[in-house]
PDB file of N, CA and C in Angstrom:
ATOM      1  N   UNK A   1       0.840  -1.174   0.000  1.00  0.00           N
ATOM      2  CA  UNK A   1       0.000   0.000   0.000  1.00  0.00           C
ATOM      3  C   UNK A   1       0.891   1.245   0.000  1.00  0.00           C
ATOM      4  N   UNK A   2       0.689   2.098  -0.967  1.00  0.00           N
ATOM      5  CA  UNK A   2       1.412   3.369  -1.055  1.00  0.00           C
ATOM      6  C   UNK A   2       0.615   4.412  -0.282  1.00  0.00           C
ATOM      7  N   UNK A   3       1.290   5.141   0.601  1.00  0.00           N
ATOM      8  CA  UNK A   3       0.619   6.107   1.466  1.00  0.00           C
ATOM      9  C   UNK A   3       1.011   7.521   1.072  1.00  0.00           C
ATOM     10  N   UNK A   4       0.021   8.409   1.070  1.00  0.00           N
ATOM     11  CA  UNK A   4       0.261   9.831   0.868  1.00  0.00           C
ATOM     12  C   UNK A   4       0.199  10.542   2.208  1.00  0.00           C
ATOM     13  N   UNK A   5       1.017  11.577   2.369  1.00  0.00           N
ATOM     14  CA  UNK A   5       1.079  12.323   3.620  1.00  0.00           C
ATOM     15  C   UNK A   5       0.672  13.768   3.366  1.00  0.00           C
ATOM     16  N   UNK A   6      -0.309  14.258   4.128  1.00  0.00           N
ATOM     17  CA  UNK A   6      -0.764  15.638   4.006  1.00  0.00           C
ATOM     18  C   UNK A   6      -0.535  16.318   5.351  1.00  0.00           C
ATOM     19  N   UNK A   7       0.398  17.276   5.386  1.00  0.00           N
ATOM     20  CA  UNK A   7       0.681  17.984   6.637  1.00  0.00           C
ATOM     21  C   UNK A   7      -0.473  18.940   6.932  1.00  0.00           C
ATOM     22  N   UNK A   8      -1.003  18.865   8.158  1.00  0.00           N
ATOM     23  CA  UNK A   8      -2.097  19.752   8.552  1.00  0.00           C
ATOM     24  C   UNK A   8      -1.675  20.778   9.591  1.00  0.00           C
ATOM     25  N   UNK A   9      -0.637  20.473  10.367  1.00  0.00           N
ATOM     26  CA  UNK A   9      -0.140  21.389  11.401  1.00  0.00           C
ATOM     27  C   UNK A   9       1.369  21.217  11.499  1.00  0.00           C
ATOM     28  N   UNK A  10       2.052  22.344  11.731  1.00  0.00           N
ATOM     29  CA  UNK A  10       3.496  22.284  11.968  1.00  0.00           C
ATOM     30  C   UNK A  10       3.862  23.342  12.996  1.00  0.00           C
ATOM     31  N   UNK A  11       4.627  22.951  14.003  1.00  0.00           N
ATOM     32  CA  UNK A  11       5.170  23.897  14.980  1.00  0.00           C
ATOM     33  C   UNK A  11       6.681  23.690  15.031  1.00  0.00           C
ATOM     34  N   UNK A  12       7.342  24.357  15.941  1.00  0.00           N
ATOM     35  CA  UNK A  12       8.799  24.220  16.024  1.00  0.00           C
ATOM     36  C   UNK A  12       9.234  22.833  16.479  1.00  0.00           C
ATOM     37  N   UNK A  13       8.362  22.111  17.178  1.00  0.00           N
ATOM     38  CA  UNK A  13       8.774  20.798  17.685  1.00  0.00           C
ATOM     39  C   UNK A  13       7.785  19.671  17.395  1.00  0.00           C
ATOM     40  N   UNK A  14       6.774  19.937  16.565  1.00  0.00           N
ATOM     41  CA  UNK A  14       5.820  18.865  16.267  1.00  0.00           C
ATOM     42  C   UNK A  14       5.156  19.085  14.912  1.00  0.00           C
ATOM     43  N   UNK A  15       4.566  18.004  14.408  1.00  0.00           N
ATOM     44  CA  UNK A  15       3.824  18.051  13.152  1.00  0.00           C
ATOM     45  C   UNK A  15       2.655  17.079  13.237  1.00  0.00           C
ATOM     46  N   UNK A  16       1.611  17.376  12.464  1.00  0.00           N
ATOM     47  CA  UNK A  16       0.485  16.446  12.318  1.00  0.00           C
ATOM     48  C   UNK A  16       0.248  16.220  10.831  1.00  0.00           C
ATOM     49  N   UNK A  17       0.019  14.955  10.494  1.00  0.00           N
ATOM     50  CA  UNK A  17      -0.253  14.564   9.111  1.00  0.00           C
ATOM     51  C   UNK A  17      -1.534  13.742   9.050  1.00  0.00           C
ATOM     52  N   UNK A  18      -2.243  13.867   7.947  1.00  0.00           N
ATOM     53  CA  UNK A  18      -3.275  12.905   7.589  1.00  0.00           C
ATOM     54  C   UNK A  18      -2.641  11.953   6.591  1.00  0.00           C
ATOM     55  N   UNK A  19      -2.868  10.674   6.768  1.00  0.00           N
ATOM     56  CA  UNK A  19      -2.342   9.665   5.854  1.00  0.00           C
ATOM     57  C   UNK A  19      -3.465   9.229   4.929  1.00  0.00           C
ATOM     58  N   UNK A  20      -3.152   9.160   3.640  1.00  0.00           N
ATOM     59  CA  UNK A  20      -4.150   8.797   2.641  1.00  0.00           C
ATOM     60  C   UNK A  20      -3.718   7.534   1.903  1.00  0.00           C
ATOM     61  N   UNK A  21      -4.712   6.717   1.584  1.00  0.00           N
ATOM     62  CA  UNK A  21      -4.448   5.526   0.776  1.00  0.00           C
ATOM     63  C   UNK A  21      -4.171   5.958  -0.656  1.00  0.00           C
ATOM     64  N   UNK A  22      -3.768   5.006  -1.484  1.00  0.00           N
ATOM     65  CA  UNK A  22      -3.527   5.325  -2.893  1.00  0.00           C
ATOM     66  C   UNK A  22      -4.816   5.692  -3.621  1.00  0.00           C
ATOM     67  N   UNK A  23      -5.978   5.470  -2.985  1.00  0.00           N
ATOM     68  CA  UNK A  23      -7.267   5.881  -3.550  1.00  0.00           C
ATOM     69  C   UNK A  23      -7.701   7.258  -3.038  1.00  0.00           C
ATOM     70  N   UNK A  24      -6.863   7.885  -2.182  1.00  0.00           N
ATOM     71  CA  UNK A  24      -7.176   9.208  -1.652  1.00  0.00           C
ATOM     72  C   UNK A  24      -8.029   9.201  -0.396  1.00  0.00           C
ATOM     73  N   UNK A  25      -8.309   8.028   0.161  1.00  0.00           N
ATOM     74  CA  UNK A  25      -9.094   7.938   1.391  1.00  0.00           C
ATOM     75  C   UNK A  25      -8.206   8.225   2.595  1.00  0.00           C
ATOM     76  N   UNK A  26      -8.730   8.985   3.573  1.00  0.00           N
ATOM     77  CA  UNK A  26      -7.992   9.226   4.807  1.00  0.00           C
ATOM     78  C   UNK A  26      -8.026   7.954   5.642  1.00  0.00           C
ATOM     79  N   UNK A  27      -6.840   7.429   5.957  1.00  0.00           N
ATOM     80  CA  UNK A  27      -6.771   6.159   6.675  1.00  0.00           C
ATOM     81  C   UNK A  27      -6.220   6.305   8.090  1.00  0.00           C
ATOM     82  N   UNK A  28      -5.547   7.438   8.370  1.00  0.00           N
ATOM     83  CA  UNK A  28      -4.938   7.596   9.687  1.00  0.00           C
ATOM     84  C   UNK A  28      -4.524   9.043   9.907  1.00  0.00           C
ATOM     85  N   UNK A  29      -4.278   9.358  11.180  1.00  0.00           N
ATOM     86  CA  UNK A  29      -3.682  10.638  11.558  1.00  0.00           C
ATOM     87  C   UNK A  29      -2.376  10.322  12.282  1.00  0.00           C
ATOM     88  N   UNK A  30      -1.397  11.174  12.099  1.00  0.00           N
ATOM     89  CA  UNK A  30      -0.079  10.956  12.690  1.00  0.00           C
ATOM     90  C   UNK A  30       0.396  12.239  13.348  1.00  0.00           C
ATOM     91  N   UNK A  31       0.688  12.175  14.643  1.00  0.00           N
ATOM     92  CA  UNK A  31       1.308  13.287  15.360  1.00  0.00           C
ATOM     93  C   UNK A  31       2.755  12.911  15.635  1.00  0.00           C
ATOM     94  N   UNK A  32       3.669  13.821  15.327  1.00  0.00           N
ATOM     95  CA  UNK A  32       5.097  13.601  15.569  1.00  0.00           C
ATOM     96  C   UNK A  32       5.619  14.687  16.494  1.00  0.00           C
ATOM     97  N   UNK A  33       6.408  14.292  17.483  1.00  0.00           N
ATOM     98  CA  UNK A  33       7.001  15.229  18.438  1.00  0.00           C
ATOM     99  C   UNK A  33       8.517  15.036  18.416  1.00  0.00           C
ATOM    100  N   UNK A  34       9.227  16.113  18.118  1.00  0.00           N
ATOM    101  CA  UNK A  34      10.674  16.080  17.955  1.00  0.00           C
ATOM    102  C   UNK A  34      11.338  16.577  19.233  1.00  0.00           C
ATOM    103  N   UNK A  35      12.174  15.731  19.850  1.00  0.00           N
ATOM    104  CA  UNK A  35      12.855  16.087  21.088  1.00  0.00           C
ATOM    105  C   UNK A  35      14.229  16.669  20.795  1.00  0.00           C
ATOM    106  N   UNK A  36      14.753  17.423  21.761  1.00  0.00           N
ATOM    107  CA  UNK A  36      16.054  18.073  21.591  1.00  0.00           C
ATOM    108  C   UNK A  36      17.195  17.078  21.388  1.00  0.00           C
ATOM    109  N   UNK A  37      17.060  15.854  21.897  1.00  0.00           N
ATOM    110  CA  UNK A  37      18.133  14.863  21.766  1.00  0.00           C
ATOM    111  C   UNK A  37      18.108  14.118  20.430  1.00  0.00           C
ATOM    112  N   UNK A  38      17.206  14.527  19.522  1.00  0.00           N
ATOM    113  CA  UNK A  38      17.121  13.890  18.209  1.00  0.00           C
ATOM    114  C   UNK A  38      16.109  12.764  18.118  1.00  0.00           C
ATOM    115  N   UNK A  39      15.540  12.367  19.242  1.00  0.00           N
ATOM    116  CA  UNK A  39      14.513  11.325  19.239  1.00  0.00           C
ATOM    117  C   UNK A  39      13.192  11.889  18.733  1.00  0.00           C
ATOM    118  N   UNK A  40      12.380  11.005  18.192  1.00  0.00           N
ATOM    119  CA  UNK A  40      11.053  11.381  17.710  1.00  0.00           C
ATOM    120  C   UNK A  40      10.041  10.416  18.321  1.00  0.00           C
ATOM    121  N   UNK A  41       8.967  10.986  18.872  1.00  0.00           N
ATOM    122  CA  UNK A  41       7.862  10.192  19.394  1.00  0.00           C
ATOM    123  C   UNK A  41       6.642  10.461  18.529  1.00  0.00           C
ATOM    124  N   UNK A  42       5.979   9.387  18.111  1.00  0.00           N
ATOM    125  CA  UNK A  42       4.818   9.535  17.244  1.00  0.00           C
ATOM    126  C   UNK A  42       3.607   8.807  17.787  1.00  0.00           C
ATOM    127  N   UNK A  43       2.437   9.352  17.458  1.00  0.00           N
ATOM    128  CA  UNK A  43       1.171   8.683  17.735  1.00  0.00           C
ATOM    129  C   UNK A  43       0.459   8.501  16.406  1.00  0.00           C
ATOM    130  N   UNK A  44       0.209   7.261  16.055  1.00  0.00           N
ATOM    131  CA  UNK A  44      -0.489   6.917  14.824  1.00  0.00           C
ATOM    132  C   UNK A  44      -1.891   6.455  15.200  1.00  0.00           C
ATOM    133  N   UNK A  45      -2.904   7.151  14.664  1.00  0.00           N
ATOM    134  CA  UNK A  45      -4.296   6.802  14.938  1.00  0.00           C
ATOM    135  C   UNK A  45      -4.901   6.253  13.652  1.00  0.00           C
ATOM    136  N   UNK A  46      -5.182   4.959  13.647  1.00  0.00           N
ATOM    137  CA  UNK A  46      -5.753   4.288  12.477  1.00  0.00           C
ATOM    138  C   UNK A  46      -7.265   4.462  12.485  1.00  0.00           C
ATOM    139  N   UNK A  47      -7.839   4.849  11.349  1.00  0.00           N
ATOM    140  CA  UNK A  47      -9.275   5.086  11.253  1.00  0.00           C
ATOM    141  C   UNK A  47     -10.069   3.837  10.895  1.00  0.00           C
ATOM    142  N   UNK A  48      -9.403   2.762  10.534  1.00  0.00           N
ATOM    143  CA  UNK A  48     -10.089   1.551  10.085  1.00  0.00           C
ATOM    144  C   UNK A  48      -9.487   0.353  10.811  1.00  0.00           C
ATOM    145  N   UNK A  49     -10.318  -0.421  11.495  1.00  0.00           N
ATOM    146  CA  UNK A  49      -9.830  -1.586  12.234  1.00  0.00           C
ATOM    147  C   UNK A  49      -9.097  -2.584  11.348  1.00  0.00           C
ATOM    148  N   UNK A  50      -9.438  -2.623  10.053  1.00  0.00           N
ATOM    149  CA  UNK A  50      -8.776  -3.562   9.139  1.00  0.00           C
ATOM    150  C   UNK A  50      -7.288  -3.247   8.996  1.00  0.00           C
ATOM    151  N   UNK A  51      -6.903  -2.004   9.303  1.00  0.00           N
ATOM    152  CA  UNK A  51      -5.498  -1.615   9.184  1.00  0.00           C
ATOM    153  C   UNK A  51      -4.678  -1.993  10.410  1.00  0.00           C
ATOM    154  N   UNK A  52      -5.325  -2.492  11.456  1.00  0.00           N
ATOM    155  CA  UNK A  52      -4.614  -2.728  12.705  1.00  0.00           C
ATOM    156  C   UNK A  52      -3.865  -4.061  12.758  1.00  0.00           C
ATOM    157  N   UNK A  53      -3.895  -4.843  11.687  1.00  0.00           N
ATOM    158  CA  UNK A  53      -3.078  -6.061  11.646  1.00  0.00           C
ATOM    159  C   UNK A  53      -1.604  -5.667  11.715  1.00  0.00           C
ATOM    160  N   UNK A  54      -0.821  -6.409  12.449  1.00  0.00           N
ATOM    161  CA  UNK A  54       0.560  -6.009  12.723  1.00  0.00           C
ATOM    162  C   UNK A  54       1.389  -5.805  11.461  1.00  0.00           C
ATOM    163  N   UNK A  55       1.189  -6.629  10.433  1.00  0.00           N
ATOM    164  CA  UNK A  55       2.001  -6.458   9.220  1.00  0.00           C
ATOM    165  C   UNK A  55       1.649  -5.159   8.492  1.00  0.00           C
ATOM    166  N   UNK A  56       0.383  -4.739   8.552  1.00  0.00           N
ATOM    167  CA  UNK A  56      -0.006  -3.474   7.920  1.00  0.00           C
ATOM    168  C   UNK A  56       0.536  -2.299   8.726  1.00  0.00           C
ATOM    169  N   UNK A  57       0.451  -2.387  10.055  1.00  0.00           N
ATOM    170  CA  UNK A  57       1.005  -1.331  10.911  1.00  0.00           C
ATOM    171  C   UNK A  57       2.498  -1.184  10.650  1.00  0.00           C
ATOM    172  N   UNK A  58       3.216  -2.290  10.574  1.00  0.00           N
ATOM    173  CA  UNK A  58       4.657  -2.239  10.310  1.00  0.00           C
ATOM    174  C   UNK A  58       4.952  -1.599   8.958  1.00  0.00           C
ATOM    175  N   UNK A  59       4.135  -1.895   7.953  1.00  0.00           N
ATOM    176  CA  UNK A  59       4.322  -1.297   6.629  1.00  0.00           C
ATOM    177  C   UNK A  59       4.097   0.216   6.687  1.00  0.00           C
ATOM    178  N   UNK A  60       3.054   0.648   7.385  1.00  0.00           N
ATOM    179  CA  UNK A  60       2.776   2.082   7.514  1.00  0.00           C
ATOM    180  C   UNK A  60       3.918   2.776   8.247  1.00  0.00           C
ATOM    181  N   UNK A  61       4.353   2.212   9.375  1.00  0.00           N
ATOM    182  CA  UNK A  61       5.433   2.828  10.155  1.00  0.00           C
ATOM    183  C   UNK A  61       6.735   2.872   9.365  1.00  0.00           C
ATOM    184  N   UNK A  62       6.984   1.862   8.572  1.00  0.00           N
ATOM    185  CA  UNK A  62       8.182   1.846   7.734  1.00  0.00           C
ATOM    186  C   UNK A  62       8.154   2.992   6.725  1.00  0.00           C
ATOM    187  N   UNK A  63       6.991   3.226   6.104  1.00  0.00           N
ATOM    188  CA  UNK A  63       6.880   4.336   5.155  1.00  0.00           C
ATOM    189  C   UNK A  63       7.020   5.683   5.855  1.00  0.00           C
ATOM    190  N   UNK A  64       6.450   5.811   7.059  1.00  0.00           N
ATOM    191  CA  UNK A  64       6.617   7.049   7.835  1.00  0.00           C
ATOM    192  C   UNK A  64       8.097   7.283   8.099  1.00  0.00           C
ATOM    193  N   UNK A  65       8.788   6.244   8.540  1.00  0.00           N
ATOM    194  CA  UNK A  65      10.220   6.324   8.836  1.00  0.00           C
ATOM    195  C   UNK A  65      11.006   6.755   7.601  1.00  0.00           C
ATOM    196  N   UNK A  66      10.757   6.125   6.466  1.00  0.00           N
ATOM    197  CA  UNK A  66      11.509   6.409   5.240  1.00  0.00           C
ATOM    198  C   UNK A  66      11.197   7.777   4.643  1.00  0.00           C
ATOM    199  N   UNK A  67       9.914   8.155   4.610  1.00  0.00           N
ATOM    200  CA  UNK A  67       9.497   9.366   3.906  1.00  0.00           C
ATOM    201  C   UNK A  67       9.620  10.615   4.773  1.00  0.00           C
ATOM    202  N   UNK A  68       9.177  10.536   6.020  1.00  0.00           N
ATOM    203  CA  UNK A  68       9.086  11.737   6.853  1.00  0.00           C
ATOM    204  C   UNK A  68      10.239  11.920   7.829  1.00  0.00           C
ATOM    205  N   UNK A  69      10.929  10.842   8.170  1.00  0.00           N
ATOM    206  CA  UNK A  69      11.885  10.910   9.277  1.00  0.00           C
ATOM    207  C   UNK A  69      13.254  10.345   8.918  1.00  0.00           C
ATOM    208  N   UNK A  70      13.938  10.931   7.945  1.00  0.00           N
ATOM    209  CA  UNK A  70      15.253  10.402   7.588  1.00  0.00           C
ATOM    210  C   UNK A  70      16.284  10.557   8.710  1.00  0.00           C
ATOM    211  N   UNK A  71      16.024  11.480   9.655  1.00  0.00           N
ATOM    212  CA  UNK A  71      16.982  11.725  10.731  1.00  0.00           C
ATOM    213  C   UNK A  71      16.820  10.767  11.910  1.00  0.00           C
ATOM    214  N   UNK A  72      15.728  10.020  11.946  1.00  0.00           N
ATOM    215  CA  UNK A  72      15.474   9.080  13.040  1.00  0.00           C
ATOM    216  C   UNK A  72      15.254   7.695  12.435  1.00  0.00           C
ATOM    217  N   UNK A  73      15.327   6.676  13.286  1.00  0.00           N
ATOM    218  CA  UNK A  73      15.187   5.327  12.747  1.00  0.00           C
ATOM    219  C   UNK A  73      14.579   4.387  13.774  1.00  0.00           C
ATOM    220  N   UNK A  74      13.641   3.572  13.304  1.00  0.00           N
ATOM    221  CA  UNK A  74      13.098   2.523  14.162  1.00  0.00           C
ATOM    222  C   UNK A  74      14.194   1.550  14.577  1.00  0.00           C
ATOM    223  N   UNK A  75      15.134   1.300  13.687  1.00  0.00           N
ATOM    224  CA  UNK A  75      16.212   0.346  13.966  1.00  0.00           C
ATOM    225  C   UNK A  75      17.197   0.861  15.004  1.00  0.00           C
ATOM    226  N   UNK A  76      17.375   2.164  15.086  1.00  0.00           N
ATOM    227  CA  UNK A  76      18.338   2.738  16.033  1.00  0.00           C
ATOM    228  C   UNK A  76      17.681   3.170  17.336  1.00  0.00           C
ATOM    229  N   UNK A  77      16.404   2.887  17.495  1.00  0.00           N
ATOM    230  CA  UNK A  77      15.643   3.213  18.695  1.00  0.00           C
ATOM    231  C   UNK A  77      15.574   4.709  18.984  1.00  0.00           C
ATOM    232  N   UNK A  78      15.719   5.543  17.950  1.00  0.00           N
ATOM    233  CA  UNK A  78      15.534   6.984  18.125  1.00  0.00           C
ATOM    234  C   UNK A  78      14.126   7.392  17.718  1.00  0.00           C
ATOM    235  N   UNK A  79      13.310   6.403  17.388  1.00  0.00           N
ATOM    236  CA  UNK A  79      11.953   6.632  16.917  1.00  0.00           C
ATOM    237  C   UNK A  79      11.016   5.672  17.642  1.00  0.00           C
ATOM    238  N   UNK A  80       9.994   6.225  18.283  1.00  0.00           N
ATOM    239  CA  UNK A  80       9.048   5.428  19.054  1.00  0.00           C
ATOM    240  C   UNK A  80       7.629   5.800  18.654  1.00  0.00           C
ATOM    241  N   UNK A  81       6.775   4.803  18.470  1.00  0.00           N
ATOM    242  CA  UNK A  81       5.383   5.046  18.097  1.00  0.00           C
ATOM    243  C   UNK A  81       4.425   4.413  19.097  1.00  0.00           C
ATOM    244  N   UNK A  82       3.327   5.092  19.319  1.00  0.00           N
ATOM    245  CA  UNK A  82       2.146   4.513  19.945  1.00  0.00           C
ATOM    246  C   UNK A  82       1.107   4.428  18.836  1.00  0.00           C
ATOM    247  N   UNK A  83       0.488   3.261  18.674  1.00  0.00           N
ATOM    248  CA  UNK A  83      -0.492   3.061  17.605  1.00  0.00           C
ATOM    249  C   UNK A  83      -1.853   2.810  18.246  1.00  0.00           C
ATOM    250  N   UNK A  84      -2.852   3.561  17.771  1.00  0.00           N
ATOM    251  CA  UNK A  84      -4.202   3.516  18.327  1.00  0.00           C
ATOM    252  C   UNK A  84      -5.192   3.313  17.184  1.00  0.00           C
ATOM    253  N   UNK A  85      -6.222   2.509  17.397  1.00  0.00           N
ATOM    254  CA  UNK A  85      -7.326   2.406  16.435  1.00  0.00           C
ATOM    255  C   UNK A  85      -8.468   3.259  16.974  1.00  0.00           C
ATOM    256  N   UNK A  86      -8.989   4.140  16.144  1.00  0.00           N
ATOM    257  CA  UNK A  86     -10.053   5.031  16.596  1.00  0.00           C
ATOM    258  C   UNK A  86     -10.868   5.543  15.434  1.00  0.00           C
ATOM    259  N   UNK A  87     -11.789   6.443  15.744  1.00  0.00           N
ATOM    260  CA  UNK A  87     -12.601   7.029  14.687  1.00  0.00           C
ATOM    261  C   UNK A  87     -12.762   8.513  14.963  1.00  0.00           C
ATOM    262  N   UNK A  88     -12.853   9.284  13.898  1.00  0.00           N
ATOM    263  CA  UNK A  88     -12.991  10.728  14.011  1.00  0.00           C
ATOM    264  C   UNK A  88     -14.428  11.043  14.413  1.00  0.00           C
ATOM    265  N   UNK A  89     -14.571  11.808  15.483  1.00  0.00           N
ATOM    266  CA  UNK A  89     -15.882  12.261  15.940  1.00  0.00           C
ATOM    267  C   UNK A  89     -16.210  13.605  15.303  1.00  0.00           C
ATOM    268  N   UNK A  90     -15.209  14.467  15.162  1.00  0.00           N
ATOM    269  CA  UNK A  90     -15.408  15.782  14.556  1.00  0.00           C
ATOM    270  C   UNK A  90     -14.334  16.743  15.009  1.00  0.00           C
ATOM    271  N   UNK A  91     -14.376  17.945  14.464  1.00  0.00           N
ATOM    272  CA  UNK A  91     -13.480  19.020  14.873  1.00  0.00           C
ATOM    273  C   UNK A  91     -14.275  19.975  15.748  1.00  0.00           C
ATOM    274  N   UNK A  92     -13.707  20.364  16.863  1.00  0.00           N
ATOM    275  CA  UNK A  92     -14.383  21.258  17.790  1.00  0.00           C
ATOM    276  C   UNK A  92     -13.543  22.514  17.937  1.00  0.00           C
ATOM    277  N   UNK A  93     -14.160  23.668  17.684  1.00  0.00           N
ATOM    278  CA  UNK A  93     -13.457  24.943  17.685  1.00  0.00           C
ATOM    279  C   UNK A  93     -14.174  25.890  18.635  1.00  0.00           C
ATOM    280  N   UNK A  94     -13.404  26.655  19.404  1.00  0.00           N
ATOM    281  CA  UNK A  94     -13.977  27.661  20.282  1.00  0.00           C
ATOM    282  C   UNK A  94     -14.633  28.745  19.450  1.00  0.00           C
ATOM    283  N   UNK A  95     -15.845  29.129  19.820  1.00  0.00           N
ATOM    284  CA  UNK A  95     -16.523  30.231  19.131  1.00  0.00           C
ATOM    285  C   UNK A  95     -15.792  31.530  19.419  1.00  0.00           C
ATOM    286  N   UNK A  96     -15.573  32.326  18.387  1.00  0.00           N
ATOM    287  CA  UNK A  96     -14.953  33.635  18.575  1.00  0.00           C
ATOM    288  C   UNK A  96     -16.040  34.695  18.546  1.00  0.00           C
ATOM    289  N   UNK A  97     -15.995  35.624  19.518  1.00  0.00           N
ATOM    290  CA  UNK A  97     -17.022  36.671  19.535  1.00  0.00           C
ATOM    291  C   UNK A  97     -16.934  37.534  18.287  1.00  0.00           C
ATOM    292  N   UNK A  98     -18.095  37.934  17.779  1.00  0.00           N
ATOM    293  CA  UNK A  98     -18.125  38.791  16.601  1.00  0.00           C
ATOM    294  C   UNK A  98     -18.097  40.245  17.031  1.00  0.00           C
ATOM    295  N   UNK A  99     -17.456  41.059  16.221  1.00  0.00           N
ATOM    296  CA  UNK A  99     -17.368  42.494  16.477  1.00  0.00           C
ATOM    297  C   UNK A  99     -18.697  43.131  16.086  1.00  0.00           C
ATOM    298  N   UNK A 100     -19.385  43.752  17.068  1.00  0.00           N
ATOM    299  CA  UNK A 100     -20.696  44.354  16.818  1.00  0.00           C
ATOM    300  C   UNK A 100     -20.616  45.785  16.318  1.00  0.00           C
ATOM    301  N   UNK A 101     -19.421  46.332  16.139  1.00  0.00           N
ATOM    302  CA  UNK A 101     -19.324  47.742  15.725  1.00  0.00           C
ATOM    303  C   UNK A 101     -19.454  47.932  14.245  1.00  0.00           C
TER     304      UNK A 101
END
């Protein structure tokens, strides 16, 4: 499975990506946190239970490692992931007051 990565947020020490299948379907969300010592901690949230088989998870993490994180490596233990299966409930945003003037 070829995965596409769409960055949705970037800060000085973290990034969030939506992962898309080769058909353009959103299959997961990925949060990455970059530590000062060069380590990277990631949280991968799979949107489909069918993707939670270990061989598919390993394939996804391998592509994340190769495409997004050339400076860190699963093999060198500088890269750690927590993998969660879940579903998107929605986006919740604080209401901003409107200017009545």
